Amino acid sequence: NMDVEKYLSKFYKTTENPTLKAMEFFMEEFNHPEQKLKFIHIAGTNGKGSCTEMLTNILIKSGYKVGKFMSPHLVKSTERMSVQNSDITYEEMGNLIKRIEPKIEKYQKKAKRKVTLFELETTMAMIYFAENNCDLVVLETGLGGLYDCTNIVNPLISVITSIGYDHMKVLGNTLVEIAEQKAGIIKENSDTVFALSDEKDVNEKIEQTCIDKYNKLHTVKKEDIKNYEYNQKYQKFDYKDYKGIIINLKGEKQIINASICIECVQILRNKFYEISDEALRSGLNTVIHKGRFEVVNQKPLMIFDGAHNKPAIENFIHSVDMYYKDASKVYIISILNSKDYDMILKNLLKDEKSVFIFTDGNNKESYVAKEELLKTAKKYTKNSNLYTYELEEAIDFVCENYEEDVVFFVGSFYIYGTVQMLLKEEKDD
């Protein structure tokens, strides 16, 4: 039994000069699994994961066999692909790798370029879903768009959740350039769902692509959302003819994501998929999305949020204000080297009254040094409650000193597994 995580961790990770050539080669070699499947293809700077979870949930509740492809994973690589919300096993993944490996060798010799981790994972997913005879696959893009590995599919529906700044080195520097990349998932003669942005030229870019590709565009507009209310347990709203939709995911942006899902359901019904209102409502209402404003501990109350780009940080701050405005707060912050940590800190430190703890995540090579975070933080605040600790020490420190406060882990998804493990050890002590 091969050590899958070890194999994948050594695999080539890059996003330079993306092309679809390798994917086309693998699909051909495996007799085109992607042509045997029906896809809902989801791109967007933020909200992809939430939409993917909600839609998968709705479709499973409607009696369909559903494949789900997500990125990034939080703890294990096997979370990337699941059928009926149960993850692929390491054994199944190992077997797929063994079948794909000779083809990788063949391709690398021929093309003189390395196969990337995301190409391998996407190939595994396509074969896995086809061999499991999935009725539908909810497919999240990796880097989102034109040259994304997932873009070898011809979807029933393309979804673009939001356009904002992230992965700028790869996707371009202006919102219009990013929109152009995301619009790369829009294929001939299909349906596109898009949540209108505040930027007119971004909307025009998506609209024009739909015209060029003979797509029917379905837009989610803020004015179609009415009677919004929320409490600690849920959010409630009307969307078009749907009254009193309840979702348990936190944060106003989830209202937009749920509305996108409702649009998708309408399109699928028009294509003769049977989805009851009950499946739609309970699908939206029961979704759990790990690492997105997720409560990970009760005493002290700890909330984990993977926000690491500008729109996500703004949503995070907005959610903190919605739910915990008057609480005493502690932030434990870890940020990957590749992210704009100056922007993240500048935004978080607008909160003058709280305690801030800077860590270097769970891996010194990949994370900004905690001393550097502290130095940057001092540019933006007179606040004296600033500390640097290792992640493990930070958790001990808040458990001993801030039992009555609300503690937020923010800035990176990739410490999720470590945080879960440390909290478990804390309980066992």
Protein backbone atom coordinates (compact mmCIF):
# COMPACT_ATOMS: atom_id res chain seq x y z
CA ASN A 1 0.00 0.00 0.00
CA MET A 2 1.68 3.19 -1.18
CA ASP A 3 1.95 6.25 1.05
CA VAL A 4 -0.31 8.49 -1.01
CA GLU A 5 0.30 11.72 0.94
CA LYS A 6 4.06 11.29 0.67
CA TYR A 7 3.81 10.62 -3.08
CA LEU A 8 1.58 13.67 -3.63
CA SER A 9 3.74 15.94 -1.45
CA LYS A 10 6.75 15.25 -3.69
CA PHE A 11 4.70 15.95 -6.81
CA TYR A 12 5.40 19.00 -8.95
CA LYS A 13 3.30 21.98 -7.85
CA THR A 14 3.31 24.93 -10.16
CA THR A 15 0.92 27.23 -11.90
CA GLU A 16 3.41 28.66 -14.38
CA ASN A 17 2.46 28.70 -18.07
CA PRO A 18 -0.69 26.65 -17.66
CA THR A 19 -2.00 24.69 -20.65
CA LEU A 20 -4.61 21.96 -21.11
CA LYS A 21 -2.33 19.72 -23.20
CA ALA A 22 -1.51 17.26 -20.42
CA MET A 23 -5.17 16.96 -19.46
CA GLU A 24 -6.15 16.30 -23.07
CA PHE A 25 -3.48 13.60 -23.25
CA PHE A 26 -4.69 11.84 -20.07
CA MET A 27 -8.35 12.00 -21.06
CA GLU A 28 -7.50 10.43 -24.41
CA GLU A 29 -5.39 7.70 -22.74
CA PHE A 30 -8.25 6.77 -20.38
CA ASN A 31 -10.90 6.75 -23.06
CA HIS A 32 -12.47 10.11 -22.16
CA PRO A 33 -14.06 9.66 -18.74
CA GLU A 34 -15.04 13.35 -18.80
CA GLN A 35 -17.34 12.77 -21.77
CA LYS A 36 -19.34 10.19 -19.81
CA LEU A 37 -20.25 12.70 -17.09
CA LYS A 38 -22.55 15.70 -16.58
CA PHE A 39 -20.95 18.68 -14.84
CA ILE A 40 -21.80 21.80 -12.94
CA HIS A 41 -18.54 23.76 -13.22
CA ILE A 42 -17.84 26.41 -10.58
CA ALA A 43 -15.29 29.24 -10.73
CA GLY A 44 -14.94 32.42 -8.70
CA THR A 45 -12.51 34.14 -6.35
CA ASN A 46 -14.60 33.34 -3.27
CA GLY A 47 -17.73 31.34 -2.59
CA LYS A 48 -16.82 28.41 -4.86
CA GLY A 49 -16.53 26.00 -1.96
CA SER A 50 -19.81 27.05 -0.35
CA CYS A 51 -21.72 26.74 -3.64
CA THR A 52 -20.13 23.36 -4.29
CA GLU A 53 -21.17 22.06 -0.86
CA MET A 54 -24.73 23.43 -1.10
CA LEU A 55 -25.37 22.10 -4.61
CA THR A 56 -23.92 18.69 -3.82
CA ASN A 57 -26.13 18.49 -0.76
CA ILE A 58 -29.29 19.47 -2.69
CA LEU A 59 -28.61 16.95 -5.48
CA ILE A 60 -27.89 14.07 -3.10
CA LYS A 61 -31.13 14.84 -1.26
CA SER A 62 -32.86 14.67 -4.67
CA GLY A 63 -31.73 11.08 -5.09
CA TYR A 64 -28.86 11.61 -7.55
CA LYS A 65 -25.44 10.03 -7.32
CA VAL A 66 -23.13 13.02 -7.06
CA GLY A 67 -19.37 13.40 -7.47
CA LYS A 68 -17.76 16.42 -5.85
CA PHE A 69 -14.32 17.82 -6.66
CA MET A 70 -13.02 20.49 -4.26
CA SER A 71 -9.85 22.41 -3.62
CA PRO A 72 -7.98 22.96 -1.35
CA HIS A 73 -8.19 20.11 1.14
CA LEU A 74 -7.98 20.91 4.83
CA VAL A 75 -6.49 17.76 6.34
CA LYS A 76 -6.20 14.90 3.86
CA SER A 77 -5.77 14.85 0.08
CA THR A 78 -8.67 12.40 -0.10
CA GLU A 79 -11.09 15.25 0.76
CA ARG A 80 -10.58 16.56 -2.77
CA MET A 81 -12.92 14.01 -4.34
CA SER A 82 -16.00 12.34 -2.98
CA VAL A 83 -19.09 10.45 -4.12
CA GLN A 84 -22.29 10.98 -2.08
CA ASN A 85 -20.17 13.17 0.24
CA SER A 86 -17.98 10.26 1.23
CA ASP A 87 -14.33 10.79 0.39
CA ILE A 88 -12.28 8.53 -1.83
CA THR A 89 -10.11 6.16 0.27
CA TYR A 90 -6.30 6.14 0.26
CA GLU A 91 -6.44 2.64 -1.19
CA GLU A 92 -8.61 3.77 -4.13
CA MET A 93 -6.38 6.80 -4.66
CA GLY A 94 -3.25 4.64 -4.57
CA ASN A 95 -4.72 2.31 -7.20
CA LEU A 96 -5.59 5.24 -9.46
CA ILE A 97 -2.07 6.64 -9.12
CA LYS A 98 -0.61 3.25 -10.10
CA ARG A 99 -2.73 3.27 -13.27
CA ILE A 100 -1.92 6.87 -14.15
CA GLU A 101 1.81 6.73 -13.38
CA PRO A 102 2.97 5.00 -16.60
CA LYS A 103 1.00 7.57 -18.60
CA ILE A 104 2.71 10.37 -16.67
CA GLU A 105 6.12 8.93 -17.64
CA LYS A 106 5.00 8.67 -21.25
CA TYR A 107 3.71 12.24 -21.35
CA GLN A 108 6.77 13.77 -19.66
CA LYS A 109 9.12 12.09 -22.14
CA LYS A 110 7.02 13.23 -25.07
CA ALA A 111 6.21 16.79 -23.93
CA LYS A 112 9.42 17.54 -22.02
CA ARG A 113 7.41 19.16 -19.28
CA LYS A 114 6.48 17.95 -15.83
CA VAL A 115 2.93 16.92 -14.97
CA THR A 116 1.56 19.02 -12.10
CA LEU A 117 -0.17 17.86 -8.94
CA PHE A 118 -3.46 19.44 -9.99
CA GLU A 119 -3.32 17.68 -13.37
CA LEU A 120 -2.86 14.37 -11.58
CA GLU A 121 -5.66 15.05 -9.10
CA THR A 122 -8.09 16.19 -11.79
CA THR A 123 -7.31 13.10 -13.88
CA MET A 124 -7.90 10.86 -10.86
CA ALA A 125 -11.22 12.58 -10.19
CA MET A 126 -12.49 12.18 -13.76
CA ILE A 127 -11.68 8.45 -13.80
CA TYR A 128 -13.09 7.96 -10.30
CA PHE A 129 -16.41 9.70 -11.04
CA ALA A 130 -16.86 7.93 -14.37
CA GLU A 131 -16.15 4.49 -12.86
CA ASN A 132 -18.59 5.24 -10.03
CA ASN A 133 -21.27 6.11 -12.61
CA CYS A 134 -22.07 9.49 -11.07
CA ASP A 135 -25.26 11.13 -12.37
CA LEU A 136 -23.83 14.60 -11.83
CA VAL A 137 -20.47 16.06 -10.84
CA VAL A 138 -20.06 19.37 -9.04
CA LEU A 139 -16.63 20.51 -10.15
CA GLU A 140 -14.74 23.34 -8.52
CA THR A 141 -11.91 24.98 -10.49
CA GLY A 142 -8.44 25.17 -8.97
CA LEU A 143 -7.06 28.47 -10.17
CA GLY A 144 -10.24 29.21 -11.87
CA GLY A 145 -10.69 29.70 -15.54
CA LEU A 146 -9.32 29.48 -18.99
CA TYR A 147 -6.29 27.26 -18.38
CA ASP A 148 -7.54 25.48 -15.30
CA CYS A 149 -7.12 21.68 -15.51
CA THR A 150 -10.81 21.21 -14.93
CA ASN A 151 -11.54 23.12 -18.11
CA ILE A 152 -11.52 20.03 -20.30
CA VAL A 153 -15.21 19.49 -19.49
CA ASN A 154 -18.33 20.63 -21.30
CA PRO A 155 -20.66 21.47 -18.44
CA LEU A 156 -24.44 21.62 -18.25
CA ILE A 157 -24.00 24.79 -16.19
CA SER A 158 -21.05 27.12 -15.60
CA VAL A 159 -21.17 29.11 -12.36
CA ILE A 160 -19.11 32.21 -11.58
CA THR A 161 -19.55 33.14 -7.94
CA SER A 162 -17.44 36.27 -7.56
CA ILE A 163 -14.60 38.20 -9.13
CA GLY A 164 -11.91 39.59 -6.82
CA TYR A 165 -8.19 39.68 -6.21
CA ASP A 166 -6.38 36.41 -5.48
CA HIS A 167 -3.65 34.42 -7.30
CA MET A 168 -2.87 37.63 -9.15
CA LYS A 169 0.47 36.45 -10.48
CA VAL A 170 -1.36 33.78 -12.42
CA LEU A 171 -4.65 35.36 -13.33
CA GLY A 172 -3.77 38.94 -14.18
CA ASN A 173 -3.83 42.21 -12.30
CA THR A 174 -7.10 43.91 -13.07
CA LEU A 175 -10.57 42.68 -12.21
CA VAL A 176 -11.43 42.62 -15.90
CA GLU A 177 -8.44 40.36 -16.65
CA ILE A 178 -9.50 38.10 -13.78
CA ALA A 179 -13.08 38.10 -15.09
CA GLU A 180 -11.75 37.07 -18.50
CA GLN A 181 -9.97 34.11 -16.89
CA LYS A 182 -13.04 33.02 -14.93
CA ALA A 183 -15.17 33.39 -18.05
CA GLY A 184 -12.91 30.73 -19.56
CA ILE A 185 -15.19 28.08 -18.07
CA ILE A 186 -18.14 29.25 -20.18
CA LYS A 187 -18.60 26.76 -23.03
CA GLU A 188 -20.67 26.75 -26.22
CA ASN A 189 -24.46 26.33 -25.95
CA SER A 190 -24.82 25.98 -22.24
CA ASP A 191 -26.15 27.93 -19.24
CA THR A 192 -24.18 30.33 -17.07
CA VAL A 193 -25.05 31.57 -13.58
CA PHE A 194 -23.27 34.71 -12.39
CA ALA A 195 -23.65 36.87 -9.28
CA LEU A 196 -23.49 40.42 -10.62
CA SER A 197 -20.54 42.41 -9.32
CA ASP A 198 -20.40 46.12 -8.46
CA GLU A 199 -18.01 46.62 -11.36
CA LYS A 200 -19.84 47.38 -14.58
CA ASP A 201 -16.95 46.32 -16.87
CA VAL A 202 -16.63 42.98 -15.07
CA ASN A 203 -20.32 42.27 -15.67
CA GLU A 204 -19.96 43.31 -19.32
CA LYS A 205 -17.04 40.92 -19.78
CA ILE A 206 -19.15 37.97 -18.54
CA GLU A 207 -22.20 39.08 -20.53
CA GLN A 208 -20.16 39.40 -23.72
CA THR A 209 -18.60 35.95 -23.25
CA CYS A 210 -22.09 34.46 -22.90
CA ILE A 211 -23.17 36.14 -26.12
CA ASP A 212 -20.06 34.90 -27.94
CA LYS A 213 -20.58 31.35 -26.70
CA TYR A 214 -24.36 31.18 -27.21
CA ASN A 215 -24.98 30.85 -23.48
CA LYS A 216 -28.11 31.70 -21.61
CA LEU A 217 -27.00 33.97 -18.76
CA HIS A 218 -28.83 33.80 -15.42
CA THR A 219 -27.79 36.60 -13.07
CA VAL A 220 -28.20 36.82 -9.32
CA LYS A 221 -29.03 40.41 -8.39
CA LYS A 222 -29.08 41.86 -4.88
CA GLU A 223 -32.53 43.38 -5.49
CA ASP A 224 -34.06 39.90 -5.91
CA ILE A 225 -33.15 39.13 -2.29
CA LYS A 226 -35.72 40.40 0.21
CA ASN A 227 -36.87 40.12 3.84
CA TYR A 228 -33.43 39.26 5.12
CA GLU A 229 -33.04 38.39 8.80
CA TYR A 230 -30.47 36.52 10.85
CA ASN A 231 -29.56 35.29 14.32
CA GLN A 232 -26.75 33.17 15.81
CA LYS A 233 -28.28 29.97 14.40
CA TYR A 234 -29.35 30.81 10.85
CA GLN A 235 -30.01 33.35 8.11
CA LYS A 236 -33.38 33.68 6.41
CA PHE A 237 -34.41 35.43 3.17
CA ASP A 238 -36.69 35.40 0.13
CA TYR A 239 -35.25 34.96 -3.35
CA LYS A 240 -37.60 35.72 -6.25
CA ASP A 241 -40.58 33.35 -5.70
CA TYR A 242 -38.87 31.37 -2.95
CA LYS A 243 -40.04 32.57 0.46
CA GLY A 244 -38.32 32.01 3.78
CA ILE A 245 -35.20 30.17 2.59
CA ILE A 246 -33.12 29.22 5.64
CA ILE A 247 -29.38 28.60 5.61
CA ASN A 248 -27.14 27.76 8.53
CA LEU A 249 -23.87 28.99 6.98
CA LYS A 250 -22.70 32.28 8.51
CA GLY A 251 -22.08 35.57 6.73
CA GLU A 252 -24.12 37.62 4.28
CA LYS A 253 -22.20 36.40 1.23
CA GLN A 254 -23.76 32.97 1.81
CA ILE A 255 -27.11 34.50 0.81
CA ILE A 256 -25.66 35.20 -2.63
CA ASN A 257 -24.17 31.68 -2.78
CA ALA A 258 -27.52 30.11 -1.85
CA SER A 259 -29.27 32.23 -4.50
CA ILE A 260 -26.77 30.99 -7.10
CA CYS A 261 -27.72 27.43 -6.11
CA ILE A 262 -31.42 28.21 -6.49
CA GLU A 263 -30.72 29.46 -10.04
CA CYS A 264 -28.83 26.23 -10.79
CA VAL A 265 -31.74 24.16 -9.49
CA GLN A 266 -34.14 26.02 -11.81
CA ILE A 267 -31.89 25.32 -14.80
CA LEU A 268 -31.59 21.63 -13.89
CA ARG A 269 -35.37 21.36 -13.52
CA ASN A 270 -35.71 22.81 -17.04
CA LYS A 271 -33.36 20.05 -18.19
CA PHE A 272 -35.71 17.46 -16.64
CA TYR A 273 -33.83 16.78 -13.41
CA GLU A 274 -36.23 16.12 -10.57
CA ILE A 275 -35.46 18.32 -7.59
CA SER A 276 -38.22 18.89 -5.07
CA ASP A 277 -38.60 22.11 -3.09
CA GLU A 278 -38.05 20.03 0.01
CA ALA A 279 -34.68 18.77 -1.27
CA LEU A 280 -33.73 22.33 -2.23
CA ARG A 281 -34.63 23.76 1.17
CA SER A 282 -33.15 21.02 3.30
CA GLY A 283 -30.05 20.92 1.08
CA LEU A 284 -29.39 24.60 1.77
CA ASN A 285 -30.29 24.32 5.42
CA THR A 286 -28.08 21.39 6.45
CA VAL A 287 -24.80 22.14 4.72
CA ILE A 288 -21.59 22.10 6.78
CA HIS A 289 -18.61 23.88 5.34
CA LYS A 290 -15.36 23.21 7.15
CA GLY A 291 -12.97 26.05 7.82
CA ARG A 292 -15.42 28.78 6.80
CA PHE A 293 -16.40 30.66 9.95
CA GLU A 294 -16.63 27.25 11.59
CA VAL A 295 -16.94 26.85 15.37
CA VAL A 296 -14.09 24.49 16.31
CA ASN A 297 -14.22 24.78 20.12
CA GLN A 298 -16.78 25.78 22.76
CA LYS A 299 -14.84 27.02 25.78
CA PRO A 300 -13.29 29.36 24.88
CA LEU A 301 -15.45 29.81 21.81
CA MET A 302 -13.10 29.36 18.85
CA ILE A 303 -13.95 30.08 15.23
CA PHE A 304 -11.82 29.05 12.26
CA ASP A 305 -11.89 30.99 9.01
CA GLY A 306 -9.50 30.41 6.11
CA ALA A 307 -9.86 33.97 4.73
CA HIS A 308 -6.64 34.97 2.94
CA ASN A 309 -7.55 37.38 0.14
CA LYS A 310 -9.17 40.81 0.15
CA PRO A 311 -12.83 39.85 -0.48
CA ALA A 312 -12.62 36.97 2.00
CA ILE A 313 -11.02 39.15 4.70
CA GLU A 314 -13.72 41.80 4.16
CA ASN A 315 -16.44 39.13 4.47
CA PHE A 316 -14.77 37.77 7.59
CA ILE A 317 -14.66 41.19 9.28
CA HIS A 318 -18.28 41.79 8.27
CA SER A 319 -19.31 38.45 9.83
CA VAL A 320 -17.38 39.19 13.03
CA ASP A 321 -19.29 42.48 13.25
CA MET A 322 -22.62 40.80 12.55
CA TYR A 323 -22.28 38.13 15.22
CA TYR A 324 -19.69 39.24 17.79
CA LYS A 325 -19.66 43.03 17.73
CA ASP A 326 -19.71 43.44 21.51
CA ALA A 327 -17.65 40.40 22.49
CA SER A 328 -14.03 40.54 23.66
CA LYS A 329 -12.00 39.07 20.84
CA VAL A 330 -8.65 37.41 20.26
CA TYR A 331 -7.22 36.82 16.78
CA ILE A 332 -4.62 34.12 16.10
CA ILE A 333 -3.11 34.96 12.74
CA SER A 334 -1.03 32.80 10.35
CA ILE A 335 -0.39 33.87 6.75
CA LEU A 336 1.29 32.05 3.85
CA ASN A 337 4.29 33.73 2.19
CA SER A 338 2.43 33.88 -1.10
CA LYS A 339 -0.39 36.07 0.27
CA ASP A 340 -0.62 39.85 0.69
CA TYR A 341 -0.04 39.90 4.46
CA ASP A 342 0.25 43.68 4.62
CA MET A 343 -3.30 44.06 3.28
CA ILE A 344 -4.63 41.34 5.60
CA LEU A 345 -3.11 42.91 8.72
CA LYS A 346 -4.11 46.43 7.75
CA ASN A 347 -7.75 45.29 7.56
CA LEU A 348 -7.80 43.12 10.69
CA LEU A 349 -6.07 45.75 12.83
CA LYS A 350 -8.88 48.24 12.30
CA ASP A 351 -10.21 46.45 15.39
CA GLU A 352 -8.41 48.52 18.03
CA LYS A 353 -9.69 46.80 21.16
CA SER A 354 -8.81 43.17 20.57
CA VAL A 355 -5.86 40.92 21.28
CA PHE A 356 -3.69 39.83 18.33
CA ILE A 357 -1.40 36.81 18.35
CA PHE A 358 0.94 36.26 15.40
CA THR A 359 2.26 32.78 14.57
CA ASP A 360 4.25 31.28 11.74
CA GLY A 361 1.62 28.67 11.01
CA ASN A 362 2.63 25.02 10.99
CA ASN A 363 5.60 25.31 8.68
CA LYS A 364 8.29 28.00 8.91
CA GLU A 365 9.25 27.77 5.22
CA SER A 366 5.75 28.46 3.90
CA TYR A 367 4.53 31.06 6.39
CA VAL A 368 5.47 34.69 7.00
CA ALA A 369 7.61 34.84 10.16
CA LYS A 370 5.63 35.90 13.23
CA GLU A 371 8.19 38.65 13.97
CA GLU A 372 7.59 40.08 10.50
CA LEU A 373 3.81 40.02 11.08
CA LEU A 374 4.31 41.84 14.40
CA LYS A 375 6.55 44.46 12.80
CA THR A 376 3.98 45.06 10.04
CA ALA A 377 1.12 45.18 12.56
CA LYS A 378 2.84 47.99 14.47
CA LYS A 379 2.56 50.21 11.38
CA TYR A 380 -1.22 50.00 11.63
CA THR A 381 -2.07 50.14 15.31
CA LYS A 382 -1.19 51.74 18.65
CA ASN A 383 -2.70 48.64 20.28
CA SER A 384 -0.34 47.12 22.84
CA ASN A 385 -2.06 43.70 22.99
CA LEU A 386 0.16 42.16 20.32
CA TYR A 387 1.95 38.85 20.90
CA THR A 388 4.06 36.35 18.95
CA TYR A 389 3.77 32.65 19.73
CA GLU A 390 4.15 29.29 18.05
CA LEU A 391 0.70 28.00 17.05
CA GLU A 392 0.70 25.45 19.87
CA GLU A 393 1.74 28.04 22.48
CA ALA A 394 -0.89 30.45 21.14
CA ILE A 395 -3.63 27.91 21.82
CA ASP A 396 -2.34 27.23 25.37
CA PHE A 397 -2.07 30.98 25.98
CA VAL A 398 -5.69 31.73 24.97
CA CYS A 399 -7.08 28.71 26.84
CA GLU A 400 -5.35 29.89 30.04
CA ASN A 401 -6.00 33.63 29.76
CA TYR A 402 -9.01 34.26 27.54
CA GLU A 403 -11.58 31.63 28.43
CA GLU A 404 -14.47 34.11 28.20
CA ASP A 405 -13.41 35.65 24.86
CA VAL A 406 -14.17 34.71 21.27
CA VAL A 407 -11.01 33.42 19.57
CA PHE A 408 -10.60 33.58 15.79
CA PHE A 409 -8.06 31.62 13.75
CA VAL A 410 -7.67 33.53 10.49
CA GLY A 411 -5.35 34.01 7.50
CA SER A 412 -4.85 30.49 6.14
CA PHE A 413 -6.70 27.23 5.45
CA TYR A 414 -3.60 25.11 5.71
CA ILE A 415 -3.31 25.15 9.51
CA TYR A 416 -6.78 23.61 9.87
CA GLY A 417 -5.61 20.04 10.49
CA THR A 418 -2.95 21.20 12.94
CA VAL A 419 -5.44 23.34 14.88
CA GLN A 420 -7.88 20.42 15.12
CA MET A 421 -5.11 18.15 16.40
CA LEU A 422 -3.83 20.69 18.95
CA LEU A 423 -7.36 21.33 20.27
CA LYS A 424 -7.86 17.60 20.71
CA GLU A 425 -4.57 17.36 22.67
CA GLU A 426 -5.63 20.35 24.76
CA LYS A 427 -8.84 18.50 25.72
CA ASP A 428 -6.98 15.28 26.47
CA ASP A 429 -4.52 17.00 28.84
